[in-house]
Structures are given as C-alpha cells and as structure tokens.
Amino acid sequence: MLVLTLKMGSTLMIGDEITVTVASIEGNGVEIGINAPKNIPIHRAELYHRLHGLDGNRSDDAWIYTAPKAVLRLLSKKLRSYKTLNH
C-alpha cells in the first residue's frame, strides 16, 4: 500500500487518465474528487466486495476501487434528477 500525505487542493495521478484531488479536510474526514474514464468502475471497498461476492475483510488492493461518500451522494443525486427529467 502506498501512503501519501497531501495538502488540501493537492492532486495525484494514477496512470495517465485518473486524477485524485483532495477537496477538503475536516476533522478525521477527507473529501476527495476522482476523475476517471467512464469505463473504469469506482466503488467504496465494501460495495465492491458486495458486488463481487468477496469477503468484506479483504482490503489488500481494494483502495483502488474506493470512492468517498460525498461523490456517491452526488452521483445518486444526479441519477435521481436524470430519472425525473426522463420519465
């Protein structure tokens, strides 16, 4: 596992197409923004494990698939508004 210390606003690159930006730091929480191609799935580790039937205690490389709750809330909100507009 790679462990980095980043300041708010810092961005790191994963390969050529994925960026992770520290959006805010508050107490023990960190909000991050992830930019990745649409064909790359991004899930919190526990959701990824559920989707793929893996043991919830396995987290060796699961950090690759994690997304912060704020991003998931935003995606959920966008999906709800999309469904409302198209139905």
PDB file of N, CA and C in Angstrom:
ATOM      1  N   MET A   1       0.852  -1.174   0.000  1.00  0.00           N
ATOM      2  CA  MET A   1       0.000   0.000   0.000  1.00  0.00           C
ATOM      3  C   MET A   1       0.896   1.234   0.000  1.00  0.00           C
ATOM      4  N   LEU A   2       0.562   2.169  -0.831  1.00  0.00           N
ATOM      5  CA  LEU A   2       1.244   3.455  -0.881  1.00  0.00           C
ATOM      6  C   LEU A   2       0.519   4.410   0.057  1.00  0.00           C
ATOM      7  N   VAL A   3       1.253   5.046   0.955  1.00  0.00           N
ATOM      8  CA  VAL A   3       0.674   6.004   1.884  1.00  0.00           C
ATOM      9  C   VAL A   3       1.271   7.367   1.576  1.00  0.00           C
ATOM     10  N   LEU A   4       0.408   8.348   1.320  1.00  0.00           N
ATOM     11  CA  LEU A   4       0.843   9.694   0.983  1.00  0.00           C
ATOM     12  C   LEU A   4       0.256  10.698   1.961  1.00  0.00           C
ATOM     13  N   THR A   5       0.980  11.766   2.207  1.00  0.00           N
ATOM     14  CA  THR A   5       0.456  12.889   2.958  1.00  0.00           C
ATOM     15  C   THR A   5       0.274  14.025   1.963  1.00  0.00           C
ATOM     16  N   LEU A   6      -0.966  14.483   1.809  1.00  0.00           N
ATOM     17  CA  LEU A   6      -1.271  15.524   0.834  1.00  0.00           C
ATOM     18  C   LEU A   6      -1.973  16.681   1.516  1.00  0.00           C
ATOM     19  N   LYS A   7      -1.784  17.867   0.976  1.00  0.00           N
ATOM     20  CA  LYS A   7      -2.478  19.048   1.471  1.00  0.00           C
ATOM     21  C   LYS A   7      -3.753  19.252   0.667  1.00  0.00           C
ATOM     22  N   MET A   8      -4.683  20.035   1.223  1.00  0.00           N
ATOM     23  CA  MET A   8      -5.918  20.331   0.516  1.00  0.00           C
ATOM     24  C   MET A   8      -5.586  20.977  -0.834  1.00  0.00           C
ATOM     25  N   GLY A   9      -6.271  20.508  -1.863  1.00  0.00           N
ATOM     26  CA  GLY A   9      -6.039  21.010  -3.214  1.00  0.00           C
ATOM     27  C   GLY A   9      -4.992  20.234  -3.989  1.00  0.00           C
ATOM     28  N   SER A  10      -4.253  19.356  -3.304  1.00  0.00           N
ATOM     29  CA  SER A  10      -3.240  18.541  -3.984  1.00  0.00           C
ATOM     30  C   SER A  10      -3.911  17.499  -4.873  1.00  0.00           C
ATOM     31  N   THR A  11      -3.262  17.202  -5.968  1.00  0.00           N
ATOM     32  CA  THR A  11      -3.781  16.200  -6.903  1.00  0.00           C
ATOM     33  C   THR A  11      -2.705  15.159  -7.145  1.00  0.00           C
ATOM     34  N   LEU A  12      -3.128  13.901  -7.230  1.00  0.00           N
ATOM     35  CA  LEU A  12      -2.198  12.852  -7.612  1.00  0.00           C
ATOM     36  C   LEU A  12      -2.730  12.152  -8.845  1.00  0.00           C
ATOM     37  N   MET A  13      -1.833  11.584  -9.597  1.00  0.00           N
ATOM     38  CA  MET A  13      -2.179  10.896 -10.842  1.00  0.00           C
ATOM     39  C   MET A  13      -2.039   9.390 -10.640  1.00  0.00           C
ATOM     40  N   ILE A  14      -2.988   8.659 -11.179  1.00  0.00           N
ATOM     41  CA  ILE A  14      -2.906   7.201 -11.243  1.00  0.00           C
ATOM     42  C   ILE A  14      -2.887   6.873 -12.718  1.00  0.00           C
ATOM     43  N   GLY A  15      -1.740   6.480 -13.214  1.00  0.00           N
ATOM     44  CA  GLY A  15      -1.588   6.276 -14.651  1.00  0.00           C
ATOM     45  C   GLY A  15      -1.725   7.606 -15.374  1.00  0.00           C
ATOM     46  N   ASP A  16      -2.181   7.560 -16.617  1.00  0.00           N
ATOM     47  CA  ASP A  16      -2.316   8.772 -17.422  1.00  0.00           C
ATOM     48  C   ASP A  16      -3.714   9.367 -17.397  1.00  0.00           C
ATOM     49  N   GLU A  17      -4.711   8.607 -16.911  1.00  0.00           N
ATOM     50  CA  GLU A  17      -6.094   9.034 -17.073  1.00  0.00           C
ATOM     51  C   GLU A  17      -6.869   9.273 -15.786  1.00  0.00           C
ATOM     52  N   ILE A  18      -6.290   8.983 -14.627  1.00  0.00           N
ATOM     53  CA  ILE A  18      -7.034   9.105 -13.378  1.00  0.00           C
ATOM     54  C   ILE A  18      -6.355  10.129 -12.479  1.00  0.00           C
ATOM     55  N   THR A  19      -7.143  11.097 -11.993  1.00  0.00           N
ATOM     56  CA  THR A  19      -6.629  12.049 -11.018  1.00  0.00           C
ATOM     57  C   THR A  19      -7.470  11.957  -9.756  1.00  0.00           C
ATOM     58  N   VAL A  20      -6.807  12.119  -8.629  1.00  0.00           N
ATOM     59  CA  VAL A  20      -7.473  12.146  -7.331  1.00  0.00           C
ATOM     60  C   VAL A  20      -7.056  13.459  -6.669  1.00  0.00           C
ATOM     61  N   THR A  21      -8.041  14.274  -6.302  1.00  0.00           N
ATOM     62  CA  THR A  21      -7.767  15.588  -5.717  1.00  0.00           C
ATOM     63  C   THR A  21      -8.337  15.655  -4.306  1.00  0.00           C
ATOM     64  N   VAL A  22      -7.549  16.170  -3.371  1.00  0.00           N
ATOM     65  CA  VAL A  22      -8.024  16.380  -2.006  1.00  0.00           C
ATOM     66  C   VAL A  22      -8.890  17.629  -2.027  1.00  0.00           C
ATOM     67  N   ALA A  23     -10.219  17.461  -1.858  1.00  0.00           N
ATOM     68  CA  ALA A  23     -11.165  18.568  -1.950  1.00  0.00           C
ATOM     69  C   ALA A  23     -11.281  19.327  -0.626  1.00  0.00           C
ATOM     70  N   SER A  24     -11.328  18.595   0.478  1.00  0.00           N
ATOM     71  CA  SER A  24     -11.390  19.255   1.791  1.00  0.00           C
ATOM     72  C   SER A  24     -10.944  18.277   2.869  1.00  0.00           C
ATOM     73  N   ILE A  25     -10.513  18.861   3.972  1.00  0.00           N
ATOM     74  CA  ILE A  25     -10.085  18.083   5.132  1.00  0.00           C
ATOM     75  C   ILE A  25     -10.805  18.673   6.336  1.00  0.00           C
ATOM     76  N   GLU A  26     -11.556  17.827   7.047  1.00  0.00           N
ATOM     77  CA  GLU A  26     -12.309  18.299   8.195  1.00  0.00           C
ATOM     78  C   GLU A  26     -12.287  17.242   9.278  1.00  0.00           C
ATOM     79  N   GLY A  27     -11.630  17.519  10.383  1.00  0.00           N
ATOM     80  CA  GLY A  27     -11.516  16.539  11.457  1.00  0.00           C
ATOM     81  C   GLY A  27     -10.818  15.288  10.969  1.00  0.00           C
ATOM     82  N   ASN A  28     -11.468  14.128  11.155  1.00  0.00           N
ATOM     83  CA  ASN A  28     -10.903  12.859  10.688  1.00  0.00           C
ATOM     84  C   ASN A  28     -11.325  12.515   9.273  1.00  0.00           C
ATOM     85  N   GLY A  29     -12.097  13.395   8.633  1.00  0.00           N
ATOM     86  CA  GLY A  29     -12.615  13.109   7.298  1.00  0.00           C
ATOM     87  C   GLY A  29     -11.864  13.858   6.211  1.00  0.00           C
ATOM     88  N   VAL A  30     -11.751  13.206   5.085  1.00  0.00           N
ATOM     89  CA  VAL A  30     -11.133  13.807   3.905  1.00  0.00           C
ATOM     90  C   VAL A  30     -12.077  13.590   2.736  1.00  0.00           C
ATOM     91  N   GLU A  31     -12.401  14.660   2.026  1.00  0.00           N
ATOM     92  CA  GLU A  31     -13.201  14.530   0.805  1.00  0.00           C
ATOM     93  C   GLU A  31     -12.249  14.572  -0.369  1.00  0.00           C
ATOM     94  N   ILE A  32     -12.431  13.610  -1.271  1.00  0.00           N
ATOM     95  CA  ILE A  32     -11.586  13.573  -2.456  1.00  0.00           C
ATOM     96  C   ILE A  32     -12.459  13.600  -3.702  1.00  0.00           C
ATOM     97  N   GLY A  33     -11.917  14.139  -4.757  1.00  0.00           N
ATOM     98  CA  GLY A  33     -12.578  14.123  -6.051  1.00  0.00           C
ATOM     99  C   GLY A  33     -11.789  13.211  -6.970  1.00  0.00           C
ATOM    100  N   ILE A  34     -12.484  12.385  -7.725  1.00  0.00           N
ATOM    101  CA  ILE A  34     -11.830  11.428  -8.613  1.00  0.00           C
ATOM    102  C   ILE A  34     -12.280  11.695 -10.039  1.00  0.00           C
ATOM    103  N   ASN A  35     -11.335  11.882 -10.929  1.00  0.00           N
ATOM    104  CA  ASN A  35     -11.612  11.997 -12.356  1.00  0.00           C
ATOM    105  C   ASN A  35     -11.064  10.747 -13.020  1.00  0.00           C
ATOM    106  N   ALA A  36     -11.943   9.985 -13.659  1.00  0.00           N
ATOM    107  CA  ALA A  36     -11.529   8.750 -14.316  1.00  0.00           C
ATOM    108  C   ALA A  36     -12.422   8.526 -15.526  1.00  0.00           C
ATOM    109  N   PRO A  37     -11.924   7.788 -16.509  1.00  0.00           N
ATOM    110  CA  PRO A  37     -12.767   7.457 -17.656  1.00  0.00           C
ATOM    111  C   PRO A  37     -14.006   6.688 -17.201  1.00  0.00           C
ATOM    112  N   LYS A  38     -15.101   6.851 -17.938  1.00  0.00           N
ATOM    113  CA  LYS A  38     -16.363   6.201 -17.570  1.00  0.00           C
ATOM    114  C   LYS A  38     -16.271   4.682 -17.540  1.00  0.00           C
ATOM    115  N   ASN A  39     -15.333   4.106 -18.281  1.00  0.00           N
ATOM    116  CA  ASN A  39     -15.234   2.642 -18.323  1.00  0.00           C
ATOM    117  C   ASN A  39     -14.490   2.068 -17.115  1.00  0.00           C
ATOM    118  N   ILE A  40     -14.024   2.907 -16.215  1.00  0.00           N
ATOM    119  CA  ILE A  40     -13.340   2.428 -15.014  1.00  0.00           C
ATOM    120  C   ILE A  40     -14.296   2.556 -13.835  1.00  0.00           C
ATOM    121  N   PRO A  41     -14.747   1.414 -13.276  1.00  0.00           N
ATOM    122  CA  PRO A  41     -15.684   1.479 -12.151  1.00  0.00           C
ATOM    123  C   PRO A  41     -14.976   1.945 -10.884  1.00  0.00           C
ATOM    124  N   ILE A  42     -15.659   2.792 -10.113  1.00  0.00           N
ATOM    125  CA  ILE A  42     -15.121   3.280  -8.843  1.00  0.00           C
ATOM    126  C   ILE A  42     -16.191   3.033  -7.786  1.00  0.00           C
ATOM    127  N   HIS A  43     -15.831   2.252  -6.764  1.00  0.00           N
ATOM    128  CA  HIS A  43     -16.762   1.918  -5.691  1.00  0.00           C
ATOM    129  C   HIS A  43     -16.030   1.976  -4.360  1.00  0.00           C
ATOM    130  N   ARG A  44     -16.770   2.255  -3.280  1.00  0.00           N
ATOM    131  CA  ARG A  44     -16.207   2.068  -1.943  1.00  0.00           C
ATOM    132  C   ARG A  44     -15.889   0.585  -1.804  1.00  0.00           C
ATOM    133  N   ALA A  45     -14.889   0.266  -1.015  1.00  0.00           N
ATOM    134  CA  ALA A  45     -14.426  -1.117  -0.880  1.00  0.00           C
ATOM    135  C   ALA A  45     -15.541  -2.065  -0.464  1.00  0.00           C
ATOM    136  N   GLU A  46     -16.365  -1.655   0.518  1.00  0.00           N
ATOM    137  CA  GLU A  46     -17.411  -2.564   0.994  1.00  0.00           C
ATOM    138  C   GLU A  46     -18.447  -2.835  -0.092  1.00  0.00           C
ATOM    139  N   LEU A  47     -18.753  -1.846  -0.918  1.00  0.00           N
ATOM    140  CA  LEU A  47     -19.691  -2.050  -2.020  1.00  0.00           C
ATOM    141  C   LEU A  47     -19.061  -2.943  -3.092  1.00  0.00           C
ATOM    142  N   TYR A  48     -17.816  -2.695  -3.393  1.00  0.00           N
ATOM    143  CA  TYR A  48     -17.102  -3.528  -4.361  1.00  0.00           C
ATOM    144  C   TYR A  48     -17.116  -4.992  -3.923  1.00  0.00           C
ATOM    145  N   HIS A  49     -16.831  -5.222  -2.647  1.00  0.00           N
ATOM    146  CA  HIS A  49     -16.824  -6.592  -2.123  1.00  0.00           C
ATOM    147  C   HIS A  49     -18.198  -7.237  -2.225  1.00  0.00           C
ATOM    148  N   ARG A  50     -19.242  -6.458  -1.900  1.00  0.00           N
ATOM    149  CA  ARG A  50     -20.600  -6.992  -2.017  1.00  0.00           C
ATOM    150  C   ARG A  50     -20.943  -7.334  -3.460  1.00  0.00           C
ATOM    151  N   LEU A  51     -20.610  -6.423  -4.373  1.00  0.00           N
ATOM    152  CA  LEU A  51     -20.917  -6.641  -5.789  1.00  0.00           C
ATOM    153  C   LEU A  51     -20.220  -7.870  -6.356  1.00  0.00           C
ATOM    154  N   HIS A  52     -19.020  -8.143  -5.851  1.00  0.00           N
ATOM    155  CA  HIS A  52     -18.223  -9.237  -6.390  1.00  0.00           C
ATOM    156  C   HIS A  52     -18.178 -10.453  -5.477  1.00  0.00           C
ATOM    157  N   GLY A  53     -19.001 -10.446  -4.426  1.00  0.00           N
ATOM    158  CA  GLY A  53     -19.090 -11.596  -3.536  1.00  0.00           C
ATOM    159  C   GLY A  53     -17.807 -11.898  -2.799  1.00  0.00           C
ATOM    160  N   LEU A  54     -17.040 -10.868  -2.474  1.00  0.00           N
ATOM    161  CA  LEU A  54     -15.778 -11.070  -1.767  1.00  0.00           C
ATOM    162  C   LEU A  54     -15.974 -10.904  -0.279  1.00  0.00           C
ATOM    163  N   ASP A  55     -15.060 -11.458   0.476  1.00  0.00           N
ATOM    164  CA  ASP A  55     -15.073 -11.313   1.927  1.00  0.00           C
ATOM    165  C   ASP A  55     -14.868  -9.849   2.270  1.00  0.00           C
ATOM    166  N   GLY A  56     -15.711  -9.280   3.112  1.00  0.00           N
ATOM    167  CA  GLY A  56     -15.624  -7.875   3.489  1.00  0.00           C
ATOM    168  C   GLY A  56     -14.349  -7.489   4.198  1.00  0.00           C
ATOM    169  N   ASN A  57     -13.580  -8.488   4.691  1.00  0.00           N
ATOM    170  CA  ASN A  57     -12.339  -8.182   5.398  1.00  0.00           C
ATOM    171  C   ASN A  57     -11.139  -8.063   4.468  1.00  0.00           C
ATOM    172  N   ARG A  58     -11.315  -8.424   3.217  1.00  0.00           N
ATOM    173  CA  ARG A  58     -10.201  -8.319   2.262  1.00  0.00           C
ATOM    174  C   ARG A  58     -10.081  -6.882   1.799  1.00  0.00           C
ATOM    175  N   SER A  59      -8.949  -6.261   2.065  1.00  0.00           N
ATOM    176  CA  SER A  59      -8.770  -4.877   1.644  1.00  0.00           C
ATOM    177  C   SER A  59      -7.394  -4.636   1.049  1.00  0.00           C
ATOM    178  N   ASP A  60      -6.707  -5.702   0.627  1.00  0.00           N
ATOM    179  CA  ASP A  60      -5.342  -5.564   0.123  1.00  0.00           C
ATOM    180  C   ASP A  60      -5.213  -4.477  -0.928  1.00  0.00           C
ATOM    181  N   ASP A  61      -5.926  -4.617  -2.033  1.00  0.00           N
ATOM    182  CA  ASP A  61      -5.858  -3.639  -3.111  1.00  0.00           C
ATOM    183  C   ASP A  61      -7.198  -2.964  -3.339  1.00  0.00           C
ATOM    184  N   ALA A  62      -8.114  -3.097  -2.393  1.00  0.00           N
ATOM    185  CA  ALA A  62      -9.456  -2.564  -2.583  1.00  0.00           C
ATOM    186  C   ALA A  62      -9.478  -1.045  -2.598  1.00  0.00           C
ATOM    187  N   TRP A  63      -8.435  -0.386  -2.079  1.00  0.00           N
ATOM    188  CA  TRP A  63      -8.411   1.077  -2.085  1.00  0.00           C
ATOM    189  C   TRP A  63      -8.517   1.623  -3.493  1.00  0.00           C
ATOM    190  N   ILE A  64      -8.120   0.851  -4.487  1.00  0.00           N
ATOM    191  CA  ILE A  64      -8.191   1.292  -5.879  1.00  0.00           C
ATOM    192  C   ILE A  64      -9.639   1.571  -6.265  1.00  0.00           C
ATOM    193  N   TYR A  65     -10.572   0.839  -5.663  1.00  0.00           N
ATOM    194  CA  TYR A  65     -11.976   0.915  -6.052  1.00  0.00           C
ATOM    195  C   TYR A  65     -12.810   1.790  -5.128  1.00  0.00           C
ATOM    196  N   THR A  66     -12.179   2.507  -4.207  1.00  0.00           N
ATOM    197  CA  THR A  66     -12.957   3.275  -3.245  1.00  0.00           C
ATOM    198  C   THR A  66     -13.331   4.648  -3.775  1.00  0.00           C
ATOM    199  N   ALA A  67     -14.461   5.129  -3.333  1.00  0.00           N
ATOM    200  CA  ALA A  67     -14.895   6.495  -3.649  1.00  0.00           C
ATOM    201  C   ALA A  67     -15.512   7.064  -2.385  1.00  0.00           C
ATOM    202  N   PRO A  68     -15.319   8.338  -2.120  1.00  0.00           N
ATOM    203  CA  PRO A  68     -15.874   8.920  -0.897  1.00  0.00           C
ATOM    204  C   PRO A  68     -17.388   8.989  -0.961  1.00  0.00           C
ATOM    205  N   LYS A  69     -17.999   8.980   0.211  1.00  0.00           N
ATOM    206  CA  LYS A  69     -19.461   9.043   0.292  1.00  0.00           C
ATOM    207  C   LYS A  69     -20.006  10.285  -0.397  1.00  0.00           C
ATOM    208  N   ALA A  70     -19.275  11.398  -0.322  1.00  0.00           N
ATOM    209  CA  ALA A  70     -19.753  12.642  -0.951  1.00  0.00           C
ATOM    210  C   ALA A  70     -19.888  12.464  -2.460  1.00  0.00           C
ATOM    211  N   VAL A  71     -18.951  11.759  -3.081  1.00  0.00           N
ATOM    212  CA  VAL A  71     -19.017  11.523  -4.521  1.00  0.00           C
ATOM    213  C   VAL A  71     -20.211  10.629  -4.835  1.00  0.00           C
ATOM    214  N   LEU A  72     -20.412   9.605  -4.028  1.00  0.00           N
ATOM    215  CA  LEU A  72     -21.542   8.705  -4.249  1.00  0.00           C
ATOM    216  C   LEU A  72     -22.870   9.429  -4.054  1.00  0.00           C
ATOM    217  N   ARG A  73     -22.950  10.332  -3.054  1.00  0.00           N
ATOM    218  CA  ARG A  73     -24.170  11.120  -2.863  1.00  0.00           C
ATOM    219  C   ARG A  73     -24.434  11.996  -4.081  1.00  0.00           C
ATOM    220  N   LEU A  74     -23.384  12.622  -4.599  1.00  0.00           N
ATOM    221  CA  LEU A  74     -23.531  13.473  -5.769  1.00  0.00           C
ATOM    222  C   LEU A  74     -24.013  12.665  -6.971  1.00  0.00           C
ATOM    223  N   LEU A  75     -23.414  11.494  -7.185  1.00  0.00           N
ATOM    224  CA  LEU A  75     -23.832  10.639  -8.294  1.00  0.00           C
ATOM    225  C   LEU A  75     -25.281  10.196  -8.124  1.00  0.00           C
ATOM    226  N   SER A  76     -25.660   9.851  -6.897  1.00  0.00           N
ATOM    227  CA  SER A  76     -27.028   9.429  -6.625  1.00  0.00           C
ATOM    228  C   SER A  76     -28.004  10.564  -6.915  1.00  0.00           C
ATOM    229  N   LYS A  77     -27.647  11.773  -6.495  1.00  0.00           N
ATOM    230  CA  LYS A  77     -28.495  12.939  -6.735  1.00  0.00           C
ATOM    231  C   LYS A  77     -28.642  13.195  -8.231  1.00  0.00           C
ATOM    232  N   LYS A  78     -27.532  13.091  -8.974  1.00  0.00           N
ATOM    233  CA  LYS A  78     -27.571  13.291 -10.424  1.00  0.00           C
ATOM    234  C   LYS A  78     -28.455  12.240 -11.085  1.00  0.00           C
ATOM    235  N   LEU A  79     -28.348  10.987 -10.634  1.00  0.00           N
ATOM    236  CA  LEU A  79     -29.149   9.912 -11.198  1.00  0.00           C
ATOM    237  C   LEU A  79     -30.634  10.150 -10.938  1.00  0.00           C
ATOM    238  N   ARG A  80     -30.974  10.579  -9.713  1.00  0.00           N
ATOM    239  CA  ARG A  80     -32.375  10.867  -9.403  1.00  0.00           C
ATOM    240  C   ARG A  80     -32.906  11.986 -10.277  1.00  0.00           C
ATOM    241  N   SER A  81     -32.120  13.050 -10.481  1.00  0.00           N
ATOM    242  CA  SER A  81     -32.594  14.152 -11.312  1.00  0.00           C
ATOM    243  C   SER A  81     -32.696  13.716 -12.763  1.00  0.00           C
ATOM    244  N   TYR A  82     -31.804  12.840 -13.209  1.00  0.00           N
ATOM    245  CA  TYR A  82     -31.867  12.313 -14.592  1.00  0.00           C
ATOM    246  C   TYR A  82     -33.145  11.504 -14.771  1.00  0.00           C
ATOM    247  N   LYS A  83     -33.464  10.645 -13.796  1.00  0.00           N
ATOM    248  CA  LYS A  83     -34.680   9.828 -13.883  1.00  0.00           C
ATOM    249  C   LYS A  83     -35.910  10.714 -13.896  1.00  0.00           C
ATOM    250  N   THR A  84     -35.910  11.785 -13.088  1.00  0.00           N
ATOM    251  CA  THR A  84     -37.053  12.696 -13.031  1.00  0.00           C
ATOM    252  C   THR A  84     -37.257  13.393 -14.359  1.00  0.00           C
ATOM    253  N   LEU A  85     -36.168  13.831 -14.984  1.00  0.00           N
ATOM    254  CA  LEU A  85     -36.253  14.548 -16.252  1.00  0.00           C
ATOM    255  C   LEU A  85     -36.671  13.646 -17.413  1.00  0.00           C
ATOM    256  N   ASN A  86     -36.304  12.366 -17.343  1.00  0.00           N
ATOM    257  CA  ASN A  86     -36.539  11.463 -18.472  1.00  0.00           C
ATOM    258  C   ASN A  86     -37.731  10.532 -18.284  1.00  0.00           C
ATOM    259  N   HIS A  87     -38.555  10.749 -17.260  1.00  0.00           N
ATOM    260  CA  HIS A  87     -39.731   9.889 -17.074  1.00  0.00           C
ATOM    261  C   HIS A  87     -40.964  10.707 -16.885  1.00  0.00           C
TER     262      HIS A  87
END
